[in-house]
């Protein structure tokens, strides 16, 4: 079953609502969202590409796996209790602030979508591409 991007957002919201600690998940919107997205792009991306990972400012470390469970490996790059930004590329970019533990749970409940994760200080960035690779800066 192939979901539209709007349906993927609804699926994402359902996954968030199913969490025991869903109040911890903050969707950042409006000017605050725009400012944070701009800061992340200025730090990691050249220009305004269709997808960020096509134009990273520096060469990322690439990790490929023979399965579809890359999201389970996020904790190899960030601590489970770290609070990070989750950027989703759906119909529009959505920005959430939540723990890595909950990022892993949410992604595991959803159909595939490309996402980026960065710590709140924007020191590191992890993404999963449409090819199923993890890229880490």
Protein backbone atom coordinates (compact mmCIF):
# COMPACT_ATOMS: atom_id res chain seq x y z
CA UNK A 1 0.00 0.00 0.00
CA UNK A 2 1.42 3.36 -1.01
CA UNK A 3 0.37 6.31 1.12
CA UNK A 4 0.19 9.87 -0.13
CA UNK A 5 2.30 12.42 1.68
CA UNK A 6 -0.77 13.80 3.47
CA UNK A 7 -1.69 10.29 4.59
CA UNK A 8 1.86 9.79 5.82
CA UNK A 9 1.52 12.88 8.00
CA UNK A 10 -1.72 11.48 9.48
CA UNK A 11 0.05 8.17 10.07
CA UNK A 12 2.89 10.05 11.77
CA UNK A 13 0.45 11.92 14.03
CA UNK A 14 -1.26 8.62 14.93
CA UNK A 15 2.11 7.12 15.87
CA UNK A 16 2.84 10.15 18.06
CA UNK A 17 -0.59 9.92 19.72
CA UNK A 18 0.01 6.25 20.53
CA UNK A 19 3.07 7.06 22.67
CA UNK A 20 2.80 6.79 26.44
CA UNK A 21 4.64 10.10 26.77
CA UNK A 22 3.17 11.86 23.73
CA UNK A 23 3.14 15.18 25.61
CA UNK A 24 6.93 15.14 25.27
CA UNK A 25 6.62 15.47 21.47
CA UNK A 26 6.46 19.07 20.31
CA UNK A 27 5.66 19.96 16.71
CA UNK A 28 7.34 23.27 16.00
CA UNK A 29 5.48 25.50 13.58
CA UNK A 30 5.37 28.93 11.96
CA UNK A 31 8.26 31.38 12.42
CA UNK A 32 10.07 29.22 14.98
CA UNK A 33 10.00 26.28 12.56
CA UNK A 34 11.21 28.43 9.67
CA UNK A 35 14.08 29.82 11.75
CA UNK A 36 15.24 26.40 12.96
CA UNK A 37 15.00 24.87 9.47
CA UNK A 38 17.00 27.81 8.08
CA UNK A 39 19.66 27.35 10.79
CA UNK A 40 19.93 23.61 10.06
CA UNK A 41 20.15 24.18 6.31
CA UNK A 42 22.76 26.93 6.73
CA UNK A 43 24.88 24.55 8.81
CA UNK A 44 24.59 21.39 6.69
CA UNK A 45 23.18 22.10 3.20
CA UNK A 46 24.29 24.02 0.11
CA UNK A 47 21.45 25.98 -1.50
CA UNK A 48 17.87 24.73 -1.50
CA UNK A 49 17.95 21.25 -3.08
CA UNK A 50 14.92 19.01 -3.65
CA UNK A 51 16.21 16.83 -0.80
CA UNK A 52 18.92 17.96 1.58
CA UNK A 53 21.10 14.87 1.34
CA UNK A 54 21.79 15.65 -2.32
CA UNK A 55 23.69 18.82 -1.33
CA UNK A 56 25.39 18.39 2.03
CA UNK A 57 28.20 20.89 2.67
CA UNK A 58 30.59 18.10 3.55
CA UNK A 59 30.80 14.44 2.66
CA UNK A 60 28.74 12.35 5.08
CA UNK A 61 29.68 8.96 6.43
CA UNK A 62 27.42 6.48 4.65
CA UNK A 63 26.01 3.31 6.22
CA UNK A 64 24.17 0.66 4.19
CA UNK A 65 22.36 -2.36 5.56
CA UNK A 66 20.70 -5.44 4.11
CA UNK A 67 17.41 -4.89 5.91
CA UNK A 68 14.77 -2.20 6.34
CA UNK A 69 15.36 -1.41 10.00
CA UNK A 70 17.69 1.57 9.77
CA UNK A 71 15.56 3.48 12.29
CA UNK A 72 16.55 0.90 14.92
CA UNK A 73 20.16 2.02 14.47
CA UNK A 74 19.54 5.69 15.30
CA UNK A 75 20.69 5.03 18.86
CA UNK A 76 24.15 4.20 17.46
CA UNK A 77 24.46 7.90 16.57
CA UNK A 78 22.50 9.59 19.38
CA UNK A 79 21.75 8.56 22.95
CA UNK A 80 18.17 7.30 23.45
CA UNK A 81 17.47 10.02 26.02
CA UNK A 82 18.84 12.87 23.88
CA UNK A 83 16.24 15.40 22.81
CA UNK A 84 16.67 16.15 19.12
CA UNK A 85 14.92 17.70 16.17
CA UNK A 86 13.19 15.32 13.76
CA UNK A 87 12.66 16.81 10.32
CA UNK A 88 10.29 14.91 8.05
CA UNK A 89 10.00 15.38 4.31
CA UNK A 90 6.34 14.80 3.53
CA UNK A 91 3.93 17.15 1.73
CA UNK A 92 5.83 19.92 3.48
CA UNK A 93 8.67 19.80 5.95
CA UNK A 94 7.51 19.07 9.48
CA UNK A 95 9.71 19.73 12.51
CA UNK A 96 9.39 17.94 15.85
CA UNK A 97 11.37 18.17 19.09
CA UNK A 98 11.46 14.89 21.03
CA UNK A 99 13.67 12.17 22.49
CA UNK A 100 15.57 9.78 20.29
CA UNK A 101 13.76 6.93 22.05
CA UNK A 102 10.45 8.29 20.77
CA UNK A 103 11.83 9.05 17.31
CA UNK A 104 12.71 5.37 16.98
CA UNK A 105 9.24 4.28 18.17
CA UNK A 106 7.44 6.68 15.82
CA UNK A 107 9.45 5.81 12.72
CA UNK A 108 8.95 2.12 13.46
CA UNK A 109 5.17 2.60 13.35
CA UNK A 110 5.10 4.48 10.04
CA UNK A 111 5.46 3.74 6.36
CA UNK A 112 8.80 4.84 4.96
CA UNK A 113 9.55 8.54 4.68
CA UNK A 114 12.82 10.42 4.45
CA UNK A 115 13.86 12.07 7.70
CA UNK A 116 16.69 14.01 9.29
CA UNK A 117 17.69 14.09 12.94
CA UNK A 118 19.94 16.67 14.54
CA UNK A 119 20.81 17.42 18.13
CA UNK A 120 19.50 20.71 19.52
CA UNK A 121 22.96 22.31 19.18
CA UNK A 122 23.00 21.21 15.52
CA UNK A 123 26.40 19.58 15.84
CA UNK A 124 25.49 16.32 14.05
CA UNK A 125 22.94 15.33 11.45
CA UNK A 126 21.65 11.87 10.55
CA UNK A 127 19.33 11.10 7.67
CA UNK A 128 17.78 8.10 5.99
CA UNK A 129 17.63 8.40 2.22
CA UNK A 130 15.06 6.94 -0.13
CA UNK A 131 17.71 4.30 -0.91
CA UNK A 132 17.63 3.12 2.73
CA UNK A 133 21.10 4.43 3.53
CA UNK A 134 21.95 6.30 6.71
CA UNK A 135 24.09 9.38 6.15
CA UNK A 136 25.84 10.99 9.12
CA UNK A 137 27.51 14.37 9.33
